[in-house]
Amino acid sequence: ALIYTQYYGALLLTAIIVFLFWEIMRSAENR
């Protein structure tokens, strides 16, 4: 809904994906 509302929402989703992969690399729990 965010990216269909405003194009710049894609930047927030990209930042979140970077964060999630960062967390995946930091911990094996729930990886």
PDB file of all heavy atoms in Angstrom:
ATOM      1  N   ALA A   1       0.833  -1.209   0.000  1.00  0.00           N
ATOM      2  CA  ALA A   1       0.000   0.000   0.000  1.00  0.00           C
ATOM      3  C   ALA A   1       0.865   1.256   0.000  1.00  0.00           C
ATOM      4  O   ALA A   1       0.536   2.254  -0.642  1.00  0.00           O
ATOM      5  CB  ALA A   1      -0.922  -0.012   1.219  1.00  0.00           C
ATOM      6  N   LEU A   2       2.000   1.198   0.703  1.00  0.00           N
ATOM      7  CA  LEU A   2       2.892   2.357   0.782  1.00  0.00           C
ATOM      8  C   LEU A   2       3.477   2.705  -0.581  1.00  0.00           C
ATOM      9  O   LEU A   2       3.458   3.874  -0.991  1.00  0.00           O
ATOM     10  CB  LEU A   2       4.014   2.066   1.783  1.00  0.00           C
ATOM     11  CG  LEU A   2       5.109   3.127   1.905  1.00  0.00           C
ATOM     12  CD1 LEU A   2       4.535   4.463   2.331  1.00  0.00           C
ATOM     13  CD2 LEU A   2       6.193   2.672   2.888  1.00  0.00           C
ATOM     14  N   ILE A   3       4.017   1.720  -1.306  1.00  0.00           N
ATOM     15  CA  ILE A   3       4.655   2.050  -2.587  1.00  0.00           C
ATOM     16  C   ILE A   3       3.621   2.411  -3.654  1.00  0.00           C
ATOM     17  O   ILE A   3       3.942   3.112  -4.616  1.00  0.00           O
ATOM     18  CB  ILE A   3       5.565   0.906  -3.088  1.00  0.00           C
ATOM     19  CG1 ILE A   3       4.816  -0.427  -3.155  1.00  0.00           C
ATOM     20  CG2 ILE A   3       6.791   0.785  -2.205  1.00  0.00           C
ATOM     21  CD1 ILE A   3       5.656  -1.573  -3.690  1.00  0.00           C
ATOM     22  N   TYR A   4       2.370   1.962  -3.479  1.00  0.00           N
ATOM     23  CA  TYR A   4       1.327   2.395  -4.408  1.00  0.00           C
ATOM     24  C   TYR A   4       0.781   3.779  -4.034  1.00  0.00           C
ATOM     25  O   TYR A   4       0.073   4.398  -4.809  1.00  0.00           O
ATOM     26  CB  TYR A   4       0.189   1.375  -4.454  1.00  0.00           C
ATOM     27  CG  TYR A   4       0.262   0.455  -5.642  1.00  0.00           C
ATOM     28  CD1 TYR A   4       0.536  -0.897  -5.491  1.00  0.00           C
ATOM     29  CD2 TYR A   4       0.080   0.946  -6.931  1.00  0.00           C
ATOM     30  CE1 TYR A   4       0.626  -1.742  -6.584  1.00  0.00           C
ATOM     31  CE2 TYR A   4       0.161   0.117  -8.033  1.00  0.00           C
ATOM     32  CZ  TYR A   4       0.429  -1.232  -7.859  1.00  0.00           C
ATOM     33  OH  TYR A   4       0.524  -2.055  -8.947  1.00  0.00           O
ATOM     34  N   THR A   5       1.110   4.241  -2.835  1.00  0.00           N
ATOM     35  CA  THR A   5       0.683   5.570  -2.397  1.00  0.00           C
ATOM     36  C   THR A   5       1.718   6.628  -2.747  1.00  0.00           C
ATOM     37  O   THR A   5       1.377   7.730  -3.158  1.00  0.00           O
ATOM     38  CB  THR A   5       0.439   5.566  -0.866  1.00  0.00           C
ATOM     39  OG1 THR A   5      -0.571   4.604  -0.563  1.00  0.00           O
ATOM     40  CG2 THR A   5      -0.014   6.931  -0.383  1.00  0.00           C
ATOM     41  N   GLN A   6       3.000   6.310  -2.570  1.00  0.00           N
ATOM     42  CA  GLN A   6       4.079   7.264  -2.844  1.00  0.00           C
ATOM     43  C   GLN A   6       5.325   6.490  -3.265  1.00  0.00           C
ATOM     44  O   GLN A   6       5.740   5.555  -2.596  1.00  0.00           O
ATOM     45  CB  GLN A   6       4.385   8.085  -1.586  1.00  0.00           C
ATOM     46  CG  GLN A   6       4.477   9.593  -1.813  1.00  0.00           C
ATOM     47  CD  GLN A   6       5.706  10.000  -2.622  1.00  0.00           C
ATOM     48  OE1 GLN A   6       6.708   9.307  -2.627  1.00  0.00           O
ATOM     49  NE2 GLN A   6       5.642  11.146  -3.286  1.00  0.00           N
ATOM     50  N   TYR A   7       5.918   6.890  -4.388  1.00  0.00           N
ATOM     51  CA  TYR A   7       7.089   6.177  -4.908  1.00  0.00           C
ATOM     52  C   TYR A   7       8.215   6.067  -3.893  1.00  0.00           C
ATOM     53  O   TYR A   7       8.923   5.068  -3.816  1.00  0.00           O
ATOM     54  CB  TYR A   7       7.632   6.901  -6.145  1.00  0.00           C
ATOM     55  CG  TYR A   7       6.748   6.839  -7.359  1.00  0.00           C
ATOM     56  CD1 TYR A   7       6.685   7.904  -8.248  1.00  0.00           C
ATOM     57  CD2 TYR A   7       5.983   5.708  -7.646  1.00  0.00           C
ATOM     58  CE1 TYR A   7       5.893   7.853  -9.385  1.00  0.00           C
ATOM     59  CE2 TYR A   7       5.186   5.639  -8.768  1.00  0.00           C
ATOM     60  CZ  TYR A   7       5.138   6.727  -9.641  1.00  0.00           C
ATOM     61  OH  TYR A   7       4.350   6.667 -10.746  1.00  0.00           O
ATOM     62  N   TYR A   8       8.415   7.122  -3.084  1.00  0.00           N
ATOM     63  CA  TYR A   8       9.534   7.132  -2.142  1.00  0.00           C
ATOM     64  C   TYR A   8       9.374   6.071  -1.060  1.00  0.00           C
ATOM     65  O   TYR A   8      10.324   5.790  -0.320  1.00  0.00           O
ATOM     66  CB  TYR A   8       9.678   8.512  -1.501  1.00  0.00           C
ATOM     67  CG  TYR A   8      10.393   9.511  -2.383  1.00  0.00           C
ATOM     68  CD1 TYR A   8       9.805   9.949  -3.568  1.00  0.00           C
ATOM     69  CD2 TYR A   8      11.644  10.016  -2.046  1.00  0.00           C
ATOM     70  CE1 TYR A   8      10.442  10.862  -4.389  1.00  0.00           C
ATOM     71  CE2 TYR A   8      12.293  10.927  -2.855  1.00  0.00           C
ATOM     72  CZ  TYR A   8      11.688  11.344  -4.030  1.00  0.00           C
ATOM     73  OH  TYR A   8      12.324  12.236  -4.839  1.00  0.00           O
ATOM     74  N   GLY A   9       8.188   5.477  -0.964  1.00  0.00           N
ATOM     75  CA  GLY A   9       8.009   4.377  -0.031  1.00  0.00           C
ATOM     76  C   GLY A   9       8.925   3.207  -0.335  1.00  0.00           C
ATOM     77  O   GLY A   9       9.292   2.445   0.568  1.00  0.00           O
ATOM     78  N   ALA A  10       9.329   3.075  -1.618  1.00  0.00           N
ATOM     79  CA  ALA A  10      10.259   2.005  -1.994  1.00  0.00           C
ATOM     80  C   ALA A  10      11.590   2.155  -1.275  1.00  0.00           C
ATOM     81  O   ALA A  10      12.270   1.153  -0.982  1.00  0.00           O
ATOM     82  CB  ALA A  10      10.466   1.990  -3.503  1.00  0.00           C
ATOM     83  N   LEU A  11      11.976   3.391  -0.958  1.00  0.00           N
ATOM     84  CA  LEU A  11      13.229   3.614  -0.237  1.00  0.00           C
ATOM     85  C   LEU A  11      13.125   3.097   1.196  1.00  0.00           C
ATOM     86  O   LEU A  11      14.080   2.541   1.730  1.00  0.00           O
ATOM     87  CB  LEU A  11      13.578   5.101  -0.234  1.00  0.00           C
ATOM     88  CG  LEU A  11      13.783   5.752  -1.605  1.00  0.00           C
ATOM     89  CD1 LEU A  11      14.090   7.234  -1.441  1.00  0.00           C
ATOM     90  CD2 LEU A  11      14.901   5.059  -2.365  1.00  0.00           C
ATOM     91  N   LEU A  12      11.956   3.296   1.816  1.00  0.00           N
ATOM     92  CA  LEU A  12      11.762   2.771   3.161  1.00  0.00           C
ATOM     93  C   LEU A  12      11.781   1.246   3.158  1.00  0.00           C
ATOM     94  O   LEU A  12      12.413   0.617   4.019  1.00  0.00           O
ATOM     95  CB  LEU A  12      10.442   3.268   3.740  1.00  0.00           C
ATOM     96  CG  LEU A  12      10.112   2.770   5.156  1.00  0.00           C
ATOM     97  CD1 LEU A  12      11.158   3.250   6.147  1.00  0.00           C
ATOM     98  CD2 LEU A  12       8.720   3.215   5.586  1.00  0.00           C
ATOM     99  N   LEU A  13      11.120   0.637   2.171  1.00  0.00           N
ATOM    100  CA  LEU A  13      11.120  -0.826   2.091  1.00  0.00           C
ATOM    101  C   LEU A  13      12.526  -1.362   1.849  1.00  0.00           C
ATOM    102  O   LEU A  13      12.905  -2.395   2.415  1.00  0.00           O
ATOM    103  CB  LEU A  13      10.183  -1.287   0.961  1.00  0.00           C
ATOM    104  CG  LEU A  13       8.701  -0.940   1.132  1.00  0.00           C
ATOM    105  CD1 LEU A  13       7.882  -1.586   0.021  1.00  0.00           C
ATOM    106  CD2 LEU A  13       8.179  -1.370   2.496  1.00  0.00           C
ATOM    107  N   THR A  14      13.313  -0.663   1.037  1.00  0.00           N
ATOM    108  CA  THR A  14      14.695  -1.080   0.810  1.00  0.00           C
ATOM    109  C   THR A  14      15.500  -1.014   2.097  1.00  0.00           C
ATOM    110  O   THR A  14      16.278  -1.926   2.410  1.00  0.00           O
ATOM    111  CB  THR A  14      15.353  -0.189  -0.260  1.00  0.00           C
ATOM    112  OG1 THR A  14      14.581  -0.233  -1.458  1.00  0.00           O
ATOM    113  CG2 THR A  14      16.767  -0.656  -0.557  1.00  0.00           C
ATOM    114  N   ALA A  15      15.319   0.070   2.861  1.00  0.00           N
ATOM    115  CA  ALA A  15      16.023   0.205   4.141  1.00  0.00           C
ATOM    116  C   ALA A  15      15.629  -0.923   5.095  1.00  0.00           C
ATOM    117  O   ALA A  15      16.480  -1.475   5.812  1.00  0.00           O
ATOM    118  CB  ALA A  15      15.710   1.563   4.767  1.00  0.00           C
ATOM    119  N   ILE A  16      14.341  -1.287   5.098  1.00  0.00           N
ATOM    120  CA  ILE A  16      13.874  -2.364   5.967  1.00  0.00           C
ATOM    121  C   ILE A  16      14.475  -3.704   5.544  1.00  0.00           C
ATOM    122  O   ILE A  16      14.875  -4.523   6.390  1.00  0.00           O
ATOM    123  CB  ILE A  16      12.335  -2.432   5.956  1.00  0.00           C
ATOM    124  CG1 ILE A  16      11.757  -1.193   6.650  1.00  0.00           C
ATOM    125  CG2 ILE A  16      11.843  -3.705   6.641  1.00  0.00           C
ATOM    126  CD1 ILE A  16      10.252  -1.072   6.520  1.00  0.00           C
ATOM    127  N   ILE A  17      14.547  -3.949   4.231  1.00  0.00           N
ATOM    128  CA  ILE A  17      15.145  -5.196   3.747  1.00  0.00           C
ATOM    129  C   ILE A  17      16.619  -5.268   4.146  1.00  0.00           C
ATOM    130  O   ILE A  17      17.112  -6.319   4.582  1.00  0.00           O
ATOM    131  CB  ILE A  17      14.999  -5.297   2.215  1.00  0.00           C
ATOM    132  CG1 ILE A  17      13.523  -5.427   1.833  1.00  0.00           C
ATOM    133  CG2 ILE A  17      15.792  -6.478   1.673  1.00  0.00           C
ATOM    134  CD1 ILE A  17      12.823  -6.627   2.412  1.00  0.00           C
ATOM    135  N   VAL A  18      17.332  -4.150   4.019  1.00  0.00           N
ATOM    136  CA  VAL A  18      18.741  -4.103   4.455  1.00  0.00           C
ATOM    137  C   VAL A  18      18.825  -4.444   5.938  1.00  0.00           C
ATOM    138  O   VAL A  18      19.689  -5.230   6.367  1.00  0.00           O
ATOM    139  CB  VAL A  18      19.340  -2.711   4.178  1.00  0.00           C
ATOM    140  CG1 VAL A  18      20.710  -2.581   4.845  1.00  0.00           C
ATOM    141  CG2 VAL A  18      19.454  -2.468   2.674  1.00  0.00           C
ATOM    142  N   PHE A  19      17.936  -3.865   6.723  1.00  0.00           N
ATOM    143  CA  PHE A  19      17.920  -4.133   8.165  1.00  0.00           C
ATOM    144  C   PHE A  19      17.647  -5.605   8.453  1.00  0.00           C
ATOM    145  O   PHE A  19      18.323  -6.213   9.299  1.00  0.00           O
ATOM    146  CB  PHE A  19      16.854  -3.263   8.832  1.00  0.00           C
ATOM    147  CG  PHE A  19      16.466  -3.729  10.207  1.00  0.00           C
ATOM    148  CD1 PHE A  19      17.328  -3.563  11.283  1.00  0.00           C
ATOM    149  CD2 PHE A  19      15.250  -4.353  10.423  1.00  0.00           C
ATOM    150  CE1 PHE A  19      16.985  -4.009  12.551  1.00  0.00           C
ATOM    151  CE2 PHE A  19      14.888  -4.792  11.684  1.00  0.00           C
ATOM    152  CZ  PHE A  19      15.755  -4.624  12.754  1.00  0.00           C
ATOM    153  N   LEU A  20      16.667  -6.203   7.771  1.00  0.00           N
ATOM    154  CA  LEU A  20      16.325  -7.606   8.032  1.00  0.00           C
ATOM    155  C   LEU A  20      17.493  -8.534   7.692  1.00  0.00           C
ATOM    156  O   LEU A  20      17.794  -9.469   8.447  1.00  0.00           O
ATOM    157  CB  LEU A  20      15.075  -7.991   7.240  1.00  0.00           C
ATOM    158  CG  LEU A  20      13.761  -7.411   7.767  1.00  0.00           C
ATOM    159  CD1 LEU A  20      12.609  -7.755   6.826  1.00  0.00           C
ATOM    160  CD2 LEU A  20      13.450  -7.922   9.169  1.00  0.00           C
ATOM    161  N   PHE A  21      18.153  -8.284   6.563  1.00  0.00           N
ATOM    162  CA  PHE A  21      19.303  -9.121   6.222  1.00  0.00           C
ATOM    163  C   PHE A  21      20.453  -8.905   7.216  1.00  0.00           C
ATOM    164  O   PHE A  21      21.214  -9.836   7.507  1.00  0.00           O
ATOM    165  CB  PHE A  21      19.755  -8.849   4.788  1.00  0.00           C
ATOM    166  CG  PHE A  21      18.952  -9.599   3.760  1.00  0.00           C
ATOM    167  CD1 PHE A  21      18.162  -8.929   2.836  1.00  0.00           C
ATOM    168  CD2 PHE A  21      18.978 -10.992   3.717  1.00  0.00           C
ATOM    169  CE1 PHE A  21      17.418  -9.628   1.897  1.00  0.00           C
ATOM    170  CE2 PHE A  21      18.249 -11.696   2.781  1.00  0.00           C
ATOM    171  CZ  PHE A  21      17.459 -11.013   1.867  1.00  0.00           C
ATOM    172  N   TRP A  22      20.574  -7.689   7.716  1.00  0.00           N
ATOM    173  CA  TRP A  22      21.564  -7.404   8.751  1.00  0.00           C
ATOM    174  C   TRP A  22      21.285  -8.256   9.986  1.00  0.00           C
ATOM    175  O   TRP A  22      22.197  -8.865  10.559  1.00  0.00           O
ATOM    176  CB  TRP A  22      21.521  -5.921   9.103  1.00  0.00           C
ATOM    177  CG  TRP A  22      22.532  -5.480  10.123  1.00  0.00           C
ATOM    178  CD1 TRP A  22      22.530  -5.767  11.463  1.00  0.00           C
ATOM    179  CD2 TRP A  22      23.685  -4.672   9.896  1.00  0.00           C
ATOM    180  NE1 TRP A  22      23.595  -5.181  12.089  1.00  0.00           N
ATOM    181  CE2 TRP A  22      24.324  -4.497  11.158  1.00  0.00           C
ATOM    182  CE3 TRP A  22      24.228  -4.050   8.771  1.00  0.00           C
ATOM    183  CZ2 TRP A  22      25.481  -3.736  11.306  1.00  0.00           C
ATOM    184  CZ3 TRP A  22      25.390  -3.290   8.929  1.00  0.00           C
ATOM    185  CH2 TRP A  22      26.012  -3.149  10.171  1.00  0.00           C
ATOM    186  N   GLU A  23      20.006  -8.312  10.396  1.00  0.00           N
ATOM    187  CA  GLU A  23      19.631  -9.102  11.565  1.00  0.00           C
ATOM    188  C   GLU A  23      19.815 -10.598  11.311  1.00  0.00           C
ATOM    189  O   GLU A  23      20.181 -11.353  12.216  1.00  0.00           O
ATOM    190  CB  GLU A  23      18.177  -8.808  11.948  1.00  0.00           C
ATOM    191  CG  GLU A  23      17.938  -7.384  12.397  1.00  0.00           C
ATOM    192  CD  GLU A  23      18.857  -6.970  13.532  1.00  0.00           C
ATOM    193  OE1 GLU A  23      18.878  -7.673  14.564  1.00  0.00           O
ATOM    194  OE2 GLU A  23      19.569  -5.950  13.391  1.00  0.00           O
ATOM    195  N   ILE A  24      19.555 -11.018  10.079  1.00  0.00           N
ATOM    196  CA  ILE A  24      19.740 -12.427   9.726  1.00  0.00           C
ATOM    197  C   ILE A  24      21.203 -12.826   9.885  1.00  0.00           C
ATOM    198  O   ILE A  24      21.531 -13.910  10.386  1.00  0.00           O
ATOM    199  CB  ILE A  24      19.252 -12.689   8.290  1.00  0.00           C
ATOM    200  CG1 ILE A  24      17.717 -12.601   8.222  1.00  0.00           C
ATOM    201  CG2 ILE A  24      19.724 -14.052   7.781  1.00  0.00           C
ATOM    202  CD1 ILE A  24      17.170 -12.559   6.823  1.00  0.00           C
ATOM    203  N   MET A  25      22.107 -11.938   9.461  1.00  0.00           N
ATOM    204  CA  MET A  25      23.539 -12.243   9.567  1.00  0.00           C
ATOM    205  C   MET A  25      24.034 -12.185  11.009  1.00  0.00           C
ATOM    206  O   MET A  25      24.976 -12.888  11.369  1.00  0.00           O
ATOM    207  CB  MET A  25      24.339 -11.259   8.706  1.00  0.00           C
ATOM    208  CG  MET A  25      24.167 -11.462   7.214  1.00  0.00           C
ATOM    209  SD  MET A  25      25.273 -10.416   6.230  1.00  0.00           S
ATOM    210  CE  MET A  25      24.673  -8.787   6.646  1.00  0.00           C
ATOM    211  N   ARG A  26      23.383 -11.375  11.845  1.00  0.00           N
ATOM    212  CA  ARG A  26      23.836 -11.206  13.228  1.00  0.00           C
ATOM    213  C   ARG A  26      23.476 -12.377  14.122  1.00  0.00           C
ATOM    214  O   ARG A  26      24.187 -12.682  15.075  1.00  0.00           O
ATOM    215  CB  ARG A  26      23.215  -9.929  13.825  1.00  0.00           C
ATOM    216  CG  ARG A  26      23.916  -8.649  13.407  1.00  0.00           C
ATOM    217  CD  ARG A  26      23.201  -7.468  14.020  1.00  0.00           C
ATOM    218  NE  ARG A  26      23.143  -7.558  15.471  1.00  0.00           N
ATOM    219  CZ  ARG A  26      24.064  -7.075  16.292  1.00  0.00           C
ATOM    220  NH1 ARG A  26      25.135  -6.475  15.803  1.00  0.00           N
ATOM    221  NH2 ARG A  26      23.933  -7.187  17.602  1.00  0.00           N
ATOM    222  N   SER A  27      22.356 -13.029  13.849  1.00  0.00           N
ATOM    223  CA  SER A  27      21.878 -14.049  14.768  1.00  0.00           C
ATOM    224  C   SER A  27      21.342 -15.260  14.016  1.00  0.00           C
ATOM    225  O   SER A  27      20.693 -15.125  12.973  1.00  0.00           O
ATOM    226  CB  SER A  27      20.773 -13.469  15.668  1.00  0.00           C
ATOM    227  OG  SER A  27      20.209 -14.466  16.477  1.00  0.00           O
ATOM    228  N   ALA A  28      21.600 -16.429  14.576  1.00  0.00           N
ATOM    229  CA  ALA A  28      21.100 -17.658  13.967  1.00  0.00           C
ATOM    230  C   ALA A  28      19.682 -17.973  14.421  1.00  0.00           C
ATOM    231  O   ALA A  28      18.998 -18.801  13.804  1.00  0.00           O
ATOM    232  CB  ALA A  28      22.020 -18.824  14.328  1.00  0.00           C
ATOM    233  N   GLU A  29      19.214 -17.314  15.471  1.00  0.00           N
ATOM    234  CA  GLU A  29      17.881 -17.583  15.994  1.00  0.00           C
ATOM    235  C   GLU A  29      16.811 -17.130  14.998  1.00  0.00           C
ATOM    236  O   GLU A  29      16.821 -15.992  14.524  1.00  0.00           O
ATOM    237  CB  GLU A  29      17.680 -16.858  17.328  1.00  0.00           C
ATOM    238  CG  GLU A  29      16.353 -17.194  18.000  1.00  0.00           C
ATOM    239  CD  GLU A  29      16.203 -16.475  19.329  1.00  0.00           C
ATOM    240  OE1 GLU A  29      17.119 -15.717  19.692  1.00  0.00           O
ATOM    241  OE2 GLU A  29      15.175 -16.668  19.968  1.00  0.00           O
ATOM    242  N   ASN A  30      15.915 -18.007  14.661  1.00  0.00           N
ATOM    243  CA  ASN A  30      14.811 -17.721  13.731  1.00  0.00           C
ATOM    244  C   ASN A  30      15.302 -17.323  12.343  1.00  0.00           C
ATOM    245  O   ASN A  30      14.561 -16.694  11.581  1.00  0.00           O
ATOM    246  CB  ASN A  30      13.908 -16.614  14.282  1.00  0.00           C
ATOM    247  CG  ASN A  30      13.198 -17.040  15.555  1.00  0.00           C
ATOM    248  OD1 ASN A  30      12.673 -18.142  15.647  1.00  0.00           O
ATOM    249  ND2 ASN A  30      13.199 -16.165  16.541  1.00  0.00           N
ATOM    250  N   ARG A  31      16.535 -17.662  12.028  1.00  0.00           N
ATOM    251  CA  ARG A  31      17.103 -17.243  10.742  1.00  0.00           C
ATOM    252  C   ARG A  31      16.285 -17.785   9.568  1.00  0.00           C
ATOM    253  O   ARG A  31      16.004 -17.066   8.612  1.00  0.00           O
ATOM    254  CB  ARG A  31      18.557 -17.715  10.637  1.00  0.00           C
ATOM    255  CG  ARG A  31      19.207 -17.389   9.297  1.00  0.00           C
ATOM    256  CD  ARG A  31      20.668 -17.809   9.282  1.00  0.00           C
ATOM    257  NE  ARG A  31      21.452 -17.022  10.225  1.00  0.00           N
ATOM    258  CZ  ARG A  31      22.733 -17.282  10.500  1.00  0.00           C
ATOM    259  NH1 ARG A  31      23.336 -18.316   9.945  1.00  0.00           N
ATOM    260  NH2 ARG A  31      23.396 -16.520  11.360  1.00  0.00           N
TER     261      ARG A  31
END
